[in-house]
PDB file of N, CA and C in Angstrom:
ATOM      1  N   MET A   1      40.015  15.897  25.791  1.00  0.00           N
ATOM      2  CA  MET A   1      38.812  16.033  26.107  1.00  0.00           C
ATOM      3  C   MET A   1      38.395  15.734  27.454  1.00  0.00           C
ATOM      4  N   PRO A   2      37.745  16.443  28.173  1.00  0.00           N
ATOM      5  CA  PRO A   2      37.227  16.255  29.733  1.00  0.00           C
ATOM      6  C   PRO A   2      36.376  15.122  29.762  1.00  0.00           C
ATOM      7  N   ASN A   3      36.333  14.399  30.769  1.00  0.00           N
ATOM      8  CA  ASN A   3      35.361  13.425  31.358  1.00  0.00           C
ATOM      9  C   ASN A   3      34.381  13.795  32.244  1.00  0.00           C
ATOM     10  N   LEU A   4      33.221  13.399  32.276  1.00  0.00           N
ATOM     11  CA  LEU A   4      32.353  13.775  33.318  1.00  0.00           C
ATOM     12  C   LEU A   4      31.708  12.372  33.785  1.00  0.00           C
ATOM     13  N   SER A   5      31.348  12.631  35.180  1.00  0.00           N
ATOM     14  CA  SER A   5      30.991  11.323  35.905  1.00  0.00           C
ATOM     15  C   SER A   5      29.567  11.890  36.711  1.00  0.00           C
ATOM     16  N   VAL A   6      28.626  10.818  36.621  1.00  0.00           N
ATOM     17  CA  VAL A   6      27.507  11.223  37.403  1.00  0.00           C
ATOM     18  C   VAL A   6      27.247  10.067  38.377  1.00  0.00           C
ATOM     19  N   LYS A   7      27.118  10.451  39.749  1.00  0.00           N
ATOM     20  CA  LYS A   7      27.067   9.352  40.768  1.00  0.00           C
ATOM     21  C   LYS A   7      25.639   9.324  41.374  1.00  0.00           C
ATOM     22  N   ASP A   8      25.511   8.221  41.791  1.00  0.00           N
ATOM     23  CA  ASP A   8      24.190   7.951  42.501  1.00  0.00           C
ATOM     24  C   ASP A   8      22.967   8.022  41.494  1.00  0.00           C
ATOM     25  N   VAL A   9      23.020   7.660  40.391  1.00  0.00           N
ATOM     26  CA  VAL A   9      21.941   7.615  39.615  1.00  0.00           C
ATOM     27  C   VAL A   9      20.776   6.527  40.038  1.00  0.00           C
ATOM     28  N   PRO A  10      19.701   6.984  40.083  1.00  0.00           N
ATOM     29  CA  PRO A  10      18.592   6.037  40.497  1.00  0.00           C
ATOM     30  C   PRO A  10      18.532   4.872  39.337  1.00  0.00           C
ATOM     31  N   GLU A  11      18.298   3.701  39.837  1.00  0.00           N
ATOM     32  CA  GLU A  11      18.251   2.755  38.823  1.00  0.00           C
ATOM     33  C   GLU A  11      17.133   2.923  37.773  1.00  0.00           C
ATOM     34  N   ALA A  12      16.010   3.297  38.247  1.00  0.00           N
ATOM     35  CA  ALA A  12      14.948   3.667  37.269  1.00  0.00           C
ATOM     36  C   ALA A  12      15.313   4.617  36.195  1.00  0.00           C
ATOM     37  N   TRP A  13      16.142   5.674  36.580  1.00  0.00           N
ATOM     38  CA  TRP A  13      16.636   6.492  35.585  1.00  0.00           C
ATOM     39  C   TRP A  13      17.574   5.839  34.656  1.00  0.00           C
ATOM     40  N   ALA A  14      18.490   5.032  35.244  1.00  0.00           N
ATOM     41  CA  ALA A  14      19.435   4.384  34.382  1.00  0.00           C
ATOM     42  C   ALA A  14      18.804   3.413  33.276  1.00  0.00           C
ATOM     43  N   GLN A  15      17.730   2.816  33.798  1.00  0.00           N
ATOM     44  CA  GLN A  15      17.083   1.674  32.932  1.00  0.00           C
ATOM     45  C   GLN A  15      16.307   2.579  31.844  1.00  0.00           C
ATOM     46  N   ALA A  16      15.759   3.676  32.210  1.00  0.00           N
ATOM     47  CA  ALA A  16      14.964   4.611  31.281  1.00  0.00           C
ATOM     48  C   ALA A  16      16.088   5.076  30.259  1.00  0.00           C
ATOM     49  N   LEU A  17      17.192   5.452  30.813  1.00  0.00           N
ATOM     50  CA  LEU A  17      18.133   5.875  29.734  1.00  0.00           C
ATOM     51  C   LEU A  17      18.643   4.782  28.770  1.00  0.00           C
ATOM     52  N   ARG A  18      18.869   3.529  29.323  1.00  0.00           N
ATOM     53  CA  ARG A  18      19.185   2.518  28.443  1.00  0.00           C
ATOM     54  C   ARG A  18      18.308   2.166  27.513  1.00  0.00           C
ATOM     55  N   GLU A  19      16.741   2.196  27.829  1.00  0.00           N
ATOM     56  CA  GLU A  19      15.668   1.736  26.897  1.00  0.00           C
ATOM     57  C   GLU A  19      15.584   3.014  25.793  1.00  0.00           C
ATOM     58  N   ARG A  20      15.785   4.312  26.127  1.00  0.00           N
ATOM     59  CA  ARG A  20      15.758   5.382  25.184  1.00  0.00           C
ATOM     60  C   ARG A  20      16.999   5.167  24.313  1.00  0.00           C
ATOM     61  N   ALA A  21      18.228   4.802  24.732  1.00  0.00           N
ATOM     62  CA  ALA A  21      19.322   4.556  23.846  1.00  0.00           C
ATOM     63  C   ALA A  21      18.998   3.418  22.978  1.00  0.00           C
ATOM     64  N   ALA A  22      18.398   2.399  23.270  1.00  0.00           N
ATOM     65  CA  ALA A  22      18.100   1.317  22.485  1.00  0.00           C
ATOM     66  C   ALA A  22      17.037   1.753  21.331  1.00  0.00           C
ATOM     67  N   ARG A  23      16.304   2.627  21.886  1.00  0.00           N
ATOM     68  CA  ARG A  23      15.052   2.910  20.927  1.00  0.00           C
ATOM     69  C   ARG A  23      15.692   3.933  19.647  1.00  0.00           C
ATOM     70  N   ASN A  24      16.720   4.695  20.157  1.00  0.00           N
ATOM     71  CA  ASN A  24      17.449   5.476  19.197  1.00  0.00           C
ATOM     72  C   ASN A  24      18.620   4.814  18.326  1.00  0.00           C
ATOM     73  N   HIS A  25      18.812   3.609  18.729  1.00  0.00           N
ATOM     74  CA  HIS A  25      19.887   2.964  18.160  1.00  0.00           C
ATOM     75  C   HIS A  25      21.205   3.532  18.587  1.00  0.00           C
ATOM     76  N   ARG A  26      21.392   3.750  19.656  1.00  0.00           N
ATOM     77  CA  ARG A  26      22.576   4.351  20.253  1.00  0.00           C
ATOM     78  C   ARG A  26      23.083   3.618  21.325  1.00  0.00           C
ATOM     79  N   SER A  27      24.374   3.810  21.612  1.00  0.00           N
ATOM     80  CA  SER A  27      24.966   3.192  22.907  1.00  0.00           C
ATOM     81  C   SER A  27      24.561   4.058  24.040  1.00  0.00           C
ATOM     82  N   LEU A  28      24.699   3.844  25.424  1.00  0.00           N
ATOM     83  CA  LEU A  28      24.306   4.647  26.430  1.00  0.00           C
ATOM     84  C   LEU A  28      25.108   5.930  26.329  1.00  0.00           C
ATOM     85  N   GLN A  29      26.430   5.640  26.085  1.00  0.00           N
ATOM     86  CA  GLN A  29      27.432   6.958  26.002  1.00  0.00           C
ATOM     87  C   GLN A  29      26.758   7.831  24.822  1.00  0.00           C
ATOM     88  N   GLY A  30      26.469   7.295  23.656  1.00  0.00           N
ATOM     89  CA  GLY A  30      26.127   8.122  22.746  1.00  0.00           C
ATOM     90  C   GLY A  30      24.671   8.844  22.880  1.00  0.00           C
ATOM     91  N   GLU A  31      23.805   8.154  23.762  1.00  0.00           N
ATOM     92  CA  GLU A  31      22.586   8.686  24.195  1.00  0.00           C
ATOM     93  C   GLU A  31      22.738   9.911  25.106  1.00  0.00           C
ATOM     94  N   LEU A  32      23.548   9.615  26.032  1.00  0.00           N
ATOM     95  CA  LEU A  32      24.089  10.827  27.039  1.00  0.00           C
ATOM     96  C   LEU A  32      24.410  11.989  26.219  1.00  0.00           C
ATOM     97  N   MET A  33      25.507  11.739  25.369  1.00  0.00           N
ATOM     98  CA  MET A  33      26.113  12.599  24.563  1.00  0.00           C
ATOM     99  C   MET A  33      25.107  13.638  23.823  1.00  0.00           C
ATOM    100  N   ALA A  34      24.045  12.891  23.286  1.00  0.00           N
ATOM    101  CA  ALA A  34      22.932  13.718  22.576  1.00  0.00           C
ATOM    102  C   ALA A  34      22.087  14.477  23.324  1.00  0.00           C
ATOM    103  N   LEU A  35      21.903  13.945  24.580  1.00  0.00           N
ATOM    104  CA  LEU A  35      21.070  14.746  25.494  1.00  0.00           C
ATOM    105  C   LEU A  35      21.944  16.009  26.124  1.00  0.00           C
ATOM    106  N   ILE A  36      23.232  15.755  26.382  1.00  0.00           N
ATOM    107  CA  ILE A  36      23.982  16.909  26.624  1.00  0.00           C
ATOM    108  C   ILE A  36      24.002  18.043  25.634  1.00  0.00           C
ATOM    109  N   GLN A  37      24.371  17.501  24.459  1.00  0.00           N
ATOM    110  CA  GLN A  37      24.287  18.245  23.143  1.00  0.00           C
ATOM    111  C   GLN A  37      23.108  19.147  23.006  1.00  0.00           C
ATOM    112  N   GLY A  38      21.898  18.561  23.290  1.00  0.00           N
ATOM    113  CA  GLY A  38      20.704  19.315  23.309  1.00  0.00           C
ATOM    114  C   GLY A  38      20.557  20.312  24.301  1.00  0.00           C
ATOM    115  N   ALA A  39      21.129  19.844  25.424  1.00  0.00           N
ATOM    116  CA  ALA A  39      21.066  20.785  26.614  1.00  0.00           C
ATOM    117  C   ALA A  39      21.878  22.110  26.482  1.00  0.00           C
ATOM    118  N   VAL A  40      23.066  22.011  25.658  1.00  0.00           N
ATOM    119  CA  VAL A  40      23.992  23.140  25.555  1.00  0.00           C
ATOM    120  C   VAL A  40      23.884  23.753  24.148  1.00  0.00           C
ATOM    121  N   ALA A  41      22.945  23.415  23.343  1.00  0.00           N
ATOM    122  CA  ALA A  41      22.853  23.949  21.978  1.00  0.00           C
ATOM    123  C   ALA A  41      22.117  25.399  22.210  1.00  0.00           C
ATOM    124  N   PRO A  42      22.612  26.310  21.324  1.00  0.00           N
ATOM    125  CA  PRO A  42      21.991  27.721  21.444  1.00  0.00           C
ATOM    126  C   PRO A  42      20.440  27.503  21.201  1.00  0.00           C
ATOM    127  N   GLU A  43      20.006  28.498  22.146  1.00  0.00           N
ATOM    128  CA  GLU A  43      18.535  28.518  22.064  1.00  0.00           C
ATOM    129  C   GLU A  43      17.954  28.904  20.863  1.00  0.00           C
ATOM    130  N   SER A  44      18.485  29.338  19.852  1.00  0.00           N
ATOM    131  CA  SER A  44      18.011  29.748  18.569  1.00  0.00           C
ATOM    132  C   SER A  44      17.881  28.496  17.489  1.00  0.00           C
ATOM    133  N   SER A  45      18.423  27.419  18.101  1.00  0.00           N
ATOM    134  CA  SER A  45      18.390  26.108  17.151  1.00  0.00           C
ATOM    135  C   SER A  45      16.933  25.544  17.256  1.00  0.00           C
ATOM    136  N   PRO A  46      16.554  25.176  16.134  1.00  0.00           N
ATOM    137  CA  PRO A  46      15.218  24.639  16.136  1.00  0.00           C
ATOM    138  C   PRO A  46      15.087  23.111  16.807  1.00  0.00           C
ATOM    139  N   LEU A  47      16.141  22.616  16.719  1.00  0.00           N
ATOM    140  CA  LEU A  47      16.314  21.219  17.161  1.00  0.00           C
ATOM    141  C   LEU A  47      16.516  21.113  18.715  1.00  0.00           C
ATOM    142  N   THR A  48      16.317  22.192  19.623  1.00  0.00           N
ATOM    143  CA  THR A  48      16.510  22.133  20.919  1.00  0.00           C
ATOM    144  C   THR A  48      15.223  22.042  21.762  1.00  0.00           C
ATOM    145  N   SER A  49      14.227  21.900  21.113  1.00  0.00           N
ATOM    146  CA  SER A  49      12.917  21.810  21.865  1.00  0.00           C
ATOM    147  C   SER A  49      12.946  20.470  22.658  1.00  0.00           C
ATOM    148  N   THR A  50      12.180  20.438  23.748  1.00  0.00           N
ATOM    149  CA  THR A  50      12.206  19.214  24.605  1.00  0.00           C
ATOM    150  C   THR A  50      10.939  18.436  24.446  1.00  0.00           C
ATOM    151  N   SER A  51      10.067  18.802  23.656  1.00  0.00           N
ATOM    152  CA  SER A  51       8.738  18.168  23.556  1.00  0.00           C
ATOM    153  C   SER A  51       9.239  16.672  22.818  1.00  0.00           C
ATOM    154  N   PRO A  52       8.443  15.636  23.058  1.00  0.00           N
ATOM    155  CA  PRO A  52       8.702  14.379  22.359  1.00  0.00           C
ATOM    156  C   PRO A  52       8.407  14.472  20.843  1.00  0.00           C
ATOM    157  N   VAL A  53       7.403  15.363  20.538  1.00  0.00           N
ATOM    158  CA  VAL A  53       7.242  15.484  19.002  1.00  0.00           C
ATOM    159  C   VAL A  53       8.398  16.110  18.335  1.00  0.00           C
ATOM    160  N   SER A  54       8.796  17.241  18.829  1.00  0.00           N
ATOM    161  CA  SER A  54       9.780  17.877  18.105  1.00  0.00           C
ATOM    162  C   SER A  54      11.219  17.139  18.202  1.00  0.00           C
ATOM    163  N   ASP A  55      11.254  16.418  19.249  1.00  0.00           N
ATOM    164  CA  ASP A  55      12.452  15.531  19.468  1.00  0.00           C
ATOM    165  C   ASP A  55      12.276  14.406  18.377  1.00  0.00           C
ATOM    166  N   GLY A  56      11.264  13.737  18.229  1.00  0.00           N
ATOM    167  CA  GLY A  56      11.130  12.918  17.258  1.00  0.00           C
ATOM    168  C   GLY A  56      11.454  13.355  15.670  1.00  0.00           C
ATOM    169  N   ILE A  57      10.806  14.477  15.587  1.00  0.00           N
ATOM    170  CA  ILE A  57      10.995  14.945  14.173  1.00  0.00           C
ATOM    171  C   ILE A  57      12.529  15.555  14.067  1.00  0.00           C
ATOM    172  N   ALA A  58      13.210  16.057  15.013  1.00  0.00           N
ATOM    173  CA  ALA A  58      14.471  16.362  14.862  1.00  0.00           C
ATOM    174  C   ALA A  58      15.407  15.149  14.566  1.00  0.00           C
ATOM    175  N   ARG A  59      15.140  14.097  15.292  1.00  0.00           N
ATOM    176  CA  ARG A  59      15.951  12.739  15.062  1.00  0.00           C
ATOM    177  C   ARG A  59      15.672  12.399  13.654  1.00  0.00           C
ATOM    178  N   ALA A  60      14.472  12.388  13.180  1.00  0.00           N
ATOM    179  CA  ALA A  60      14.337  11.911  11.782  1.00  0.00           C
ATOM    180  C   ALA A  60      15.086  12.852  10.868  1.00  0.00           C
ATOM    181  N   LEU A  61      14.829  14.141  10.940  1.00  0.00           N
ATOM    182  CA  LEU A  61      15.559  15.077  10.102  1.00  0.00           C
ATOM    183  C   LEU A  61      17.083  15.142  10.012  1.00  0.00           C
ATOM    184  N   THR A  62      17.687  14.713  11.235  1.00  0.00           N
ATOM    185  CA  THR A  62      19.063  14.746  11.426  1.00  0.00           C
ATOM    186  C   THR A  62      19.734  13.321  11.290  1.00  0.00           C
ATOM    187  N   ALA A  63      18.826  12.348  11.050  1.00  0.00           N
ATOM    188  CA  ALA A  63      19.427  10.798  11.034  1.00  0.00           C
ATOM    189  C   ALA A  63      19.943  10.466   9.775  1.00  0.00           C
ATOM    190  N   HIS A  64      19.538  11.301   8.592  1.00  0.00           N
ATOM    191  CA  HIS A  64      20.028  10.755   7.326  1.00  0.00           C
ATOM    192  C   HIS A  64      20.761  12.064   6.733  1.00  0.00           C
ATOM    193  N   THR A  65      21.653  11.714   5.872  1.00  0.00           N
ATOM    194  CA  THR A  65      22.118  12.758   5.067  1.00  0.00           C
ATOM    195  C   THR A  65      21.181  13.070   3.901  1.00  0.00           C
ATOM    196  N   PRO A  66      21.268  14.082   3.374  1.00  0.00           N
ATOM    197  CA  PRO A  66      20.447  14.726   2.279  1.00  0.00           C
ATOM    198  C   PRO A  66      20.187  13.752   1.200  1.00  0.00           C
ATOM    199  N   GLY A  67      21.256  13.083   0.710  1.00  0.00           N
ATOM    200  CA  GLY A  67      21.110  12.173  -0.385  1.00  0.00           C
ATOM    201  C   GLY A  67      20.471  10.991  -0.074  1.00  0.00           C
ATOM    202  N   GLU A  68      20.449  10.408   1.301  1.00  0.00           N
ATOM    203  CA  GLU A  68      19.666   9.326   1.498  1.00  0.00           C
ATOM    204  C   GLU A  68      18.275   9.546   1.765  1.00  0.00           C
ATOM    205  N   ALA A  69      17.852  10.864   2.115  1.00  0.00           N
ATOM    206  CA  ALA A  69      16.599  11.223   2.455  1.00  0.00           C
ATOM    207  C   ALA A  69      15.569  10.774   1.549  1.00  0.00           C
ATOM    208  N   GLY A  70      15.748  10.867   0.210  1.00  0.00           N
ATOM    209  CA  GLY A  70      14.845  10.374  -0.633  1.00  0.00           C
ATOM    210  C   GLY A  70      14.548   8.801  -0.903  1.00  0.00           C
ATOM    211  N   ARG A  71      15.717   8.304  -0.544  1.00  0.00           N
ATOM    212  CA  ARG A  71      15.652   6.740  -0.594  1.00  0.00           C
ATOM    213  C   ARG A  71      14.974   6.186   0.705  1.00  0.00           C
ATOM    214  N   ARG A  72      15.216   6.798   1.785  1.00  0.00           N
ATOM    215  CA  ARG A  72      14.744   6.298   3.205  1.00  0.00           C
ATOM    216  C   ARG A  72      13.333   6.615   3.275  1.00  0.00           C
ATOM    217  N   GLY A  73      12.728   7.629   2.772  1.00  0.00           N
ATOM    218  CA  GLY A  73      11.217   7.943   2.938  1.00  0.00           C
ATOM    219  C   GLY A  73      11.398   9.405   3.472  1.00  0.00           C
ATOM    220  N   THR A  74       9.967   9.736   3.724  1.00  0.00           N
ATOM    221  CA  THR A  74       9.582  11.266   3.981  1.00  0.00           C
ATOM    222  C   THR A  74       9.021  11.171   5.337  1.00  0.00           C
ATOM    223  N   VAL A  75       9.272  11.959   6.144  1.00  0.00           N
ATOM    224  CA  VAL A  75       8.559  12.152   7.665  1.00  0.00           C
ATOM    225  C   VAL A  75       7.407  12.735   7.326  1.00  0.00           C
ATOM    226  N   VAL A  76       6.321  11.984   7.737  1.00  0.00           N
ATOM    227  CA  VAL A  76       4.968  12.486   7.563  1.00  0.00           C
ATOM    228  C   VAL A  76       4.101  12.728   8.658  1.00  0.00           C
ATOM    229  N   GLY A  77       4.966  12.623   9.900  1.00  0.00           N
ATOM    230  CA  GLY A  77       4.245  12.938  11.269  1.00  0.00           C
ATOM    231  C   GLY A  77       5.026  12.226  12.385  1.00  0.00           C
ATOM    232  N   VAL A  78       4.559  12.303  13.643  1.00  0.00           N
ATOM    233  CA  VAL A  78       5.049  11.672  14.746  1.00  0.00           C
ATOM    234  C   VAL A  78       4.196  10.820  15.356  1.00  0.00           C
ATOM    235  N   ASP A  79       4.532   9.597  15.729  1.00  0.00           N
ATOM    236  CA  ASP A  79       3.518   8.844  16.644  1.00  0.00           C
ATOM    237  C   ASP A  79       3.408   9.265  17.983  1.00  0.00           C
ATOM    238  N   ARG A  80       2.530   8.473  18.789  1.00  0.00           N
ATOM    239  CA  ARG A  80       2.347   8.986  20.282  1.00  0.00           C
ATOM    240  C   ARG A  80       3.561   8.961  21.101  1.00  0.00           C
ATOM    241  N   PHE A  81       4.505   8.281  20.722  1.00  0.00           N
ATOM    242  CA  PHE A  81       5.773   7.961  21.561  1.00  0.00           C
ATOM    243  C   PHE A  81       6.954   9.195  21.028  1.00  0.00           C
ATOM    244  N   GLY A  82       6.673   9.849  19.950  1.00  0.00           N
ATOM    245  CA  GLY A  82       7.470  10.962  19.519  1.00  0.00           C
ATOM    246  C   GLY A  82       8.429  10.393  18.476  1.00  0.00           C
ATOM    247  N   HIS A  83       8.127   9.290  17.930  1.00  0.00           N
ATOM    248  CA  HIS A  83       8.950   8.519  16.934  1.00  0.00           C
ATOM    249  C   HIS A  83       8.485   9.003  15.490  1.00  0.00           C
ATOM    250  N   PRO A  84       9.293   9.194  14.622  1.00  0.00           N
ATOM    251  CA  PRO A  84       8.713   9.668  13.339  1.00  0.00           C
ATOM    252  C   PRO A  84       8.022   8.819  12.579  1.00  0.00           C
ATOM    253  N   ILE A  85       7.096   9.032  11.864  1.00  0.00           N
ATOM    254  CA  ILE A  85       6.312   8.180  10.802  1.00  0.00           C
ATOM    255  C   ILE A  85       6.760   8.479   9.623  1.00  0.00           C
ATOM    256  N   ILE A  86       7.353   7.494   8.917  1.00  0.00           N
ATOM    257  CA  ILE A  86       8.245   7.618   7.662  1.00  0.00           C
ATOM    258  C   ILE A  86       7.378   6.971   6.482  1.00  0.00           C
ATOM    259  N   ARG A  87       7.033   7.684   5.472  1.00  0.00           N
ATOM    260  CA  ARG A  87       6.373   7.036   4.312  1.00  0.00           C
ATOM    261  C   ARG A  87       7.440   6.666   3.301  1.00  0.00           C
ATOM    262  N   GLN A  88       7.547   5.332   3.071  1.00  0.00           N
ATOM    263  CA  GLN A  88       8.584   4.816   2.356  1.00  0.00           C
ATOM    264  C   GLN A  88       8.244   4.469   1.059  1.00  0.00           C
ATOM    265  N   GLY A  89       6.920   4.183   0.779  1.00  0.00           N
ATOM    266  CA  GLY A  89       6.607   3.671  -0.461  1.00  0.00           C
ATOM    267  C   GLY A  89       6.098   4.821  -1.454  1.00  0.00           C
ATOM    268  N   TRP A  90       5.981   4.465  -2.773  1.00  0.00           N
ATOM    269  CA  TRP A  90       5.475   5.623  -3.584  1.00  0.00           C
ATOM    270  C   TRP A  90       4.182   5.256  -4.197  1.00  0.00           C
ATOM    271  N   LYS A  91       3.617   4.043  -3.992  1.00  0.00           N
ATOM    272  CA  LYS A  91       2.141   3.613  -4.461  1.00  0.00           C
ATOM    273  C   LYS A  91       1.204   3.694  -3.279  1.00  0.00           C
ATOM    274  N   THR A  92       0.050   4.117  -3.660  1.00  0.00           N
ATOM    275  CA  THR A  92      -1.071   4.189  -2.836  1.00  0.00           C
ATOM    276  C   THR A  92      -1.497   2.793  -2.735  1.00  0.00           C
ATOM    277  N   VAL A  93      -2.392   2.652  -1.582  1.00  0.00           N
ATOM    278  CA  VAL A  93      -3.080   1.316  -1.388  1.00  0.00           C
ATOM    279  C   VAL A  93      -3.855   0.942  -2.423  1.00  0.00           C
ATOM    280  N   GLU A  94      -4.560   1.895  -3.112  1.00  0.00           N
ATOM    281  CA  GLU A  94      -5.481   1.598  -4.276  1.00  0.00           C
ATOM    282  C   GLU A  94      -4.592   1.225  -5.559  1.00  0.00           C
ATOM    283  N   GLN A  95      -3.585   1.627  -5.793  1.00  0.00           N
ATOM    284  CA  GLN A  95      -2.676   1.093  -6.731  1.00  0.00           C
ATOM    285  C   GLN A  95      -2.026  -0.160  -6.604  1.00  0.00           C
ATOM    286  N   VAL A  96      -1.800  -0.485  -5.299  1.00  0.00           N
ATOM    287  CA  VAL A  96      -1.151  -1.833  -5.013  1.00  0.00           C
ATOM    288  C   VAL A  96      -2.282  -2.855  -5.182  1.00  0.00           C
ATOM    289  N   VAL A  97      -3.556  -2.616  -4.770  1.00  0.00           N
ATOM    290  CA  VAL A  97      -4.777  -3.609  -4.872  1.00  0.00           C
ATOM    291  C   VAL A  97      -4.891  -3.879  -6.409  1.00  0.00           C
ATOM    292  N   ALA A  98      -4.935  -2.622  -7.239  1.00  0.00           N
ATOM    293  CA  ALA A  98      -5.175  -2.772  -8.625  1.00  0.00           C
ATOM    294  C   ALA A  98      -4.235  -3.674  -9.317  1.00  0.00           C
ATOM    295  N   GLU A  99      -2.942  -3.391  -8.955  1.00  0.00           N
ATOM    296  CA  GLU A  99      -1.847  -4.475  -9.482  1.00  0.00           C
ATOM    297  C   GLU A  99      -2.148  -5.715  -9.084  1.00  0.00           C
ATOM    298  N   LEU A 100      -2.550  -6.043  -7.969  1.00  0.00           N
ATOM    299  CA  LEU A 100      -2.511  -7.421  -7.515  1.00  0.00           C
ATOM    300  C   LEU A 100      -3.954  -8.096  -8.162  1.00  0.00           C
ATOM    301  N   LYS A 101      -4.992  -7.322  -8.165  1.00  0.00           N
ATOM    302  CA  LYS A 101      -6.167  -7.752  -9.055  1.00  0.00           C
ATOM    303  C   LYS A 101      -5.706  -8.050 -10.451  1.00  0.00           C
ATOM    304  N   ALA A 102      -5.016  -7.124 -11.199  1.00  0.00           N
ATOM    305  CA  ALA A 102      -4.595  -7.535 -12.401  1.00  0.00           C
ATOM    306  C   ALA A 102      -3.619  -8.700 -12.515  1.00  0.00           C
ATOM    307  N   LYS A 103      -2.651  -8.907 -11.589  1.00  0.00           N
ATOM    308  CA  LYS A 103      -1.810 -10.007 -11.566  1.00  0.00           C
ATOM    309  C   LYS A 103      -2.599 -11.399 -11.166  1.00  0.00           C
ATOM    310  N   TYR A 104      -3.454 -11.332 -10.361  1.00  0.00           N
ATOM    311  CA  TYR A 104      -4.333 -12.529  -9.881  1.00  0.00           C
ATOM    312  C   TYR A 104      -5.816 -12.261 -10.049  1.00  0.00           C
ATOM    313  N   PRO A 105      -6.269 -12.264 -11.136  1.00  0.00           N
ATOM    314  CA  PRO A 105      -7.810 -11.819 -11.584  1.00  0.00           C
ATOM    315  C   PRO A 105      -8.721 -12.888 -10.774  1.00  0.00           C
ATOM    316  N   LEU A 106      -8.352 -14.079 -10.493  1.00  0.00           N
ATOM    317  CA  LEU A 106      -9.250 -14.930  -9.816  1.00  0.00           C
ATOM    318  C   LEU A 106      -8.899 -15.016  -8.338  1.00  0.00           C
ATOM    319  N   GLY A 107      -7.966 -14.414  -8.014  1.00  0.00           N
ATOM    320  CA  GLY A 107      -7.626 -14.436  -6.496  1.00  0.00           C
ATOM    321  C   GLY A 107      -6.897 -15.779  -6.373  1.00  0.00           C
ATOM    322  N   PRO A 108      -6.935 -16.236  -4.941  1.00  0.00           N
ATOM    323  CA  PRO A 108      -6.273 -17.526  -4.780  1.00  0.00           C
ATOM    324  C   PRO A 108      -7.306 -18.580  -5.111  1.00  0.00           C
ATOM    325  N   VAL A 109      -6.661 -19.628  -5.892  1.00  0.00           N
ATOM    326  CA  VAL A 109      -7.387 -20.524  -6.609  1.00  0.00           C
ATOM    327  C   VAL A 109      -7.022 -21.886  -5.865  1.00  0.00           C
ATOM    328  N   PRO A 110      -8.200 -22.609  -5.328  1.00  0.00           N
ATOM    329  CA  PRO A 110      -7.954 -23.751  -4.557  1.00  0.00           C
ATOM    330  C   PRO A 110      -7.111 -24.782  -5.371  1.00  0.00           C
ATOM    331  N   GLY A 111      -6.349 -25.307  -4.559  1.00  0.00           N
ATOM    332  CA  GLY A 111      -5.547 -26.379  -5.086  1.00  0.00           C
ATOM    333  C   GLY A 111      -4.204 -25.810  -5.715  1.00  0.00           C
ATOM    334  N   GLN A 112      -4.187 -24.532  -5.887  1.00  0.00           N
ATOM    335  CA  GLN A 112      -2.774 -23.992  -6.651  1.00  0.00           C
ATOM    336  C   GLN A 112      -2.047 -23.163  -5.690  1.00  0.00           C
ATOM    337  N   GLY A 113      -2.109 -23.690  -4.360  1.00  0.00           N
ATOM    338  CA  GLY A 113      -1.119 -23.062  -3.450  1.00  0.00           C
ATOM    339  C   GLY A 113      -1.975 -22.158  -2.616  1.00  0.00           C
ATOM    340  N   SER A 114      -1.239 -21.916  -1.415  1.00  0.00           N
ATOM    341  CA  SER A 114      -1.803 -20.949  -0.474  1.00  0.00           C
ATOM    342  C   SER A 114      -1.506 -19.455  -0.627  1.00  0.00           C
ATOM    343  N   SER A 115      -2.136 -18.747   0.014  1.00  0.00           N
ATOM    344  CA  SER A 115      -1.915 -17.147   0.015  1.00  0.00           C
ATOM    345  C   SER A 115      -0.453 -16.968   0.466  1.00  0.00           C
ATOM    346  N   ILE A 116       0.058 -17.891   1.272  1.00  0.00           N
ATOM    347  CA  ILE A 116       1.511 -17.658   1.701  1.00  0.00           C
ATOM    348  C   ILE A 116       2.401 -17.870   0.501  1.00  0.00           C
ATOM    349  N   ASP A 117       2.104 -18.973  -0.203  1.00  0.00           N
ATOM    350  CA  ASP A 117       2.802 -19.136  -1.489  1.00  0.00           C
ATOM    351  C   ASP A 117       2.956 -18.032  -2.468  1.00  0.00           C
ATOM    352  N   MET A 118       1.591 -17.522  -2.724  1.00  0.00           N
ATOM    353  CA  MET A 118       1.480 -16.490  -3.569  1.00  0.00           C
ATOM    354  C   MET A 118       2.273 -15.173  -3.115  1.00  0.00           C
ATOM    355  N   ILE A 119       2.380 -14.855  -1.778  1.00  0.00           N
ATOM    356  CA  ILE A 119       3.050 -13.775  -1.232  1.00  0.00           C
ATOM    357  C   ILE A 119       4.600 -14.013  -1.350  1.00  0.00           C
ATOM    358  N   ARG A 120       5.039 -15.235  -1.335  1.00  0.00           N
ATOM    359  CA  ARG A 120       6.497 -15.643  -1.299  1.00  0.00           C
ATOM    360  C   ARG A 120       6.871 -15.572  -2.941  1.00  0.00           C
ATOM    361  N   GLU A 121       5.936 -16.032  -3.682  1.00  0.00           N
ATOM    362  CA  GLU A 121       6.208 -16.014  -5.175  1.00  0.00           C
ATOM    363  C   GLU A 121       6.556 -14.579  -5.732  1.00  0.00           C
ATOM    364  N   ASP A 122       5.364 -13.684  -5.322  1.00  0.00           N
ATOM    365  CA  ASP A 122       5.465 -12.237  -5.460  1.00  0.00           C
ATOM    366  C   ASP A 122       6.869 -11.614  -5.026  1.00  0.00           C
ATOM    367  N   ARG A 123       6.999 -11.827  -3.790  1.00  0.00           N
ATOM    368  CA  ARG A 123       8.407 -11.373  -3.144  1.00  0.00           C
ATOM    369  C   ARG A 123       9.492 -11.661  -3.826  1.00  0.00           C
ATOM    370  N   ASP A 124       9.518 -12.944  -4.164  1.00  0.00           N
ATOM    371  CA  ASP A 124      10.854 -13.525  -4.829  1.00  0.00           C
ATOM    372  C   ASP A 124      10.924 -12.920  -6.346  1.00  0.00           C
ATOM    373  N   SER A 125       9.897 -12.415  -7.011  1.00  0.00           N
ATOM    374  CA  SER A 125       9.918 -12.225  -8.193  1.00  0.00           C
ATOM    375  C   SER A 125      10.603 -10.737  -8.365  1.00  0.00           C
ATOM    376  N   ARG A 126      10.707  -9.982  -7.318  1.00  0.00           N
ATOM    377  CA  ARG A 126      11.281  -8.699  -7.442  1.00  0.00           C
ATOM    378  C   ARG A 126      12.750  -8.699  -7.533  1.00  0.00           C
TER     379      ARG A 126
END
């Protein structure tokens, strides 16, 4: 497999590439390979768009195998940085509030621990 070398890269560009690689949980080499792959992919591929939004969605859609997708969450949008917004829970906020009100009808009771203790107890009971 051939090797490529790029000389005289401005430090600002190199730093931006390192930060992008860290955001995407890749090595610098892996990030460069992903960029090159996107540049040489056929134009008909839906994942070759260069906008941050489509880049974020493409990363989210290709990051997981189909079997993992249901367990990892559902992509519901993209934030202002182009990163996918993933819905991971299956309960609405209203459902969670109703469950907590049923479990703790009086709310935090003075003298019976703090809200931190309640959160830890709830977490540890799972």
